[in-house]
Amino acid sequence: WSTVRSVMLLRRLTFGQQSVARASRKAKLVVQASSMAAAAPPKVAGLKRVGLSPCGQVCVTSVQDGGNIEVVSMASLQDVQLRMIPEPYCAVDGRAHMQWFSFRVSGALDKPLSMSIINAGQASYAHAWADYRACASYDLTNWFRVPTQWEPSSGRLTIQHAPQHSSCSYAYFAPYPMARHDTMIAKTQMEPGVELRVLGHSLDGRPMDLLQIGEPGPGKRSIWVIARQHPGETMAEFFMEGLLARLTDAADPTARALRAQAVFYCIPNMCPDGSARGHLRTNAVGFNLNRAWAAPDKAINPEVFFTLNEMKRTGVDLLMDVHGDEAIPYNFVAGNGGIPGYTPRLHALEEQFKSAFVRHSPDFQTKYGYPLSAPGQANLTVCSKAIGQLFDCLSFTLEQPFKDSNTLPDLVTGWSPQRAARLGHDMLGAILEVTPALR
């Protein structure tokens, strides 16, 4: 009888362990499903994000982090018709933006594809399609350009390509998915002298991550670098990767000198909701964050609200707001000419920085860029203008091309993630040169 009881107890113990294991696996699946749901683009009634060819072998899908494309027709691989999905209406810009696209094609190995975005003529910057070539990648790391034809008369942008592997991704520029962002944040926080702070949360509940590099101290300058206020400008976060990698390199003399003189406050992604949703310019509710800096509202643009509050706490001696420009094929900065507080001191600092940047990076230039604002007429809802005015500091908007940098063009990749990261790396040399003169 004792033997029987022992067997029964063993069975109960085993069953209990199995139940716990099943519950644990179920909990993990729930967490995984929740994570996937948070990363996936929102479902919109009537949109067809997945399409199959008549034979059922070729699939087009934008159901992915940052994905944006609607499949209209796949009757023929030579006439795949696609449509960009507009963002929520943006009141400050008077339109619903669209220009970002990102999707994957599978099952098309060695099959010539002709894929037309049939509403490209309605894009936010339709004129910028001229001389544009779409980005493609097999491994989501190495991106190259493919033949792309813009037809202004029909408003179609047609991508032509015969994939050399079964799966190929296409995008307006190389995507920077939220998983990569999370990995960069997690790794960078572990470097010596780095502190991660969450300033608040976006409307979709995503953290506003700020990386502080260096310790405040007497005479130290406060340098702010933020990126991706416009989420589709993904080159901005690749730029941040290069900047952060160098700034946290203990063996790099430029980084060591900078950290001795300044504290860096870096926000690699100002618009995480728009990034995950596949937006070009706006957050979850269609607000253009770079038009919110005069009076941020926690209810509709908390990203700016939390960031500006932190800037007021730390002070700002230099700001670099990193972006991408759809039309201009050059890297350039827009300074603070036109703000009411623009002085000869700020002008001299701008010229000093630009001259230094040209020396540190052949990919940077000063000939091409935006026209200067008339005196006193700058738009103070724009981040760099607002911060320059509020803190009487050197403050720039930095623009990178979606196409290529015509200063040193690369016919294979165009402007690329690797080149953007290198630009971020090189900019630190220019910042080091001007830091002693910031105040």
Foldseek 3Di string as FASTA:
>chain_A
DVVVVVVVVVVVVVVVVVVVVVVVVVVVVVVVVVVLVLLWADDDPPFAQWDAEPVRQKIKGQGGFLAFKGFDDRPDQAEGEIEGDWAAAAVVVRGTATDKHKMKMFRQAQNKGKYKHQQCLVHPCSVLCVLFFKWKDDPLPDIWTFDWDADNVRNIIIGIDRDNHRMMMIILARADGVVNVVVLLVVLCPFPQKHWDFLAADPSGHTQIKIKHADDDPQAAEEEEEEPLFQSQRLQLLLVSLQSVQLRDPPRPLNVLNNVRYMYIYGSHLANQCSRNNGGAAHNNNYRQQQQQVPHDCVGRVSNVSVVVVCVVRPHLEYEYEGADSHDAAKEKDWQAAAQLDDPLLVVLVVLLLVQLVVLDLRHDYPDDDDGHHHNGDNCSGVQNVSCNVRVHTGIYIYHYSGAHPSDADNIHGDHSVNSSVSSNSSSRSCSVCSVVSD
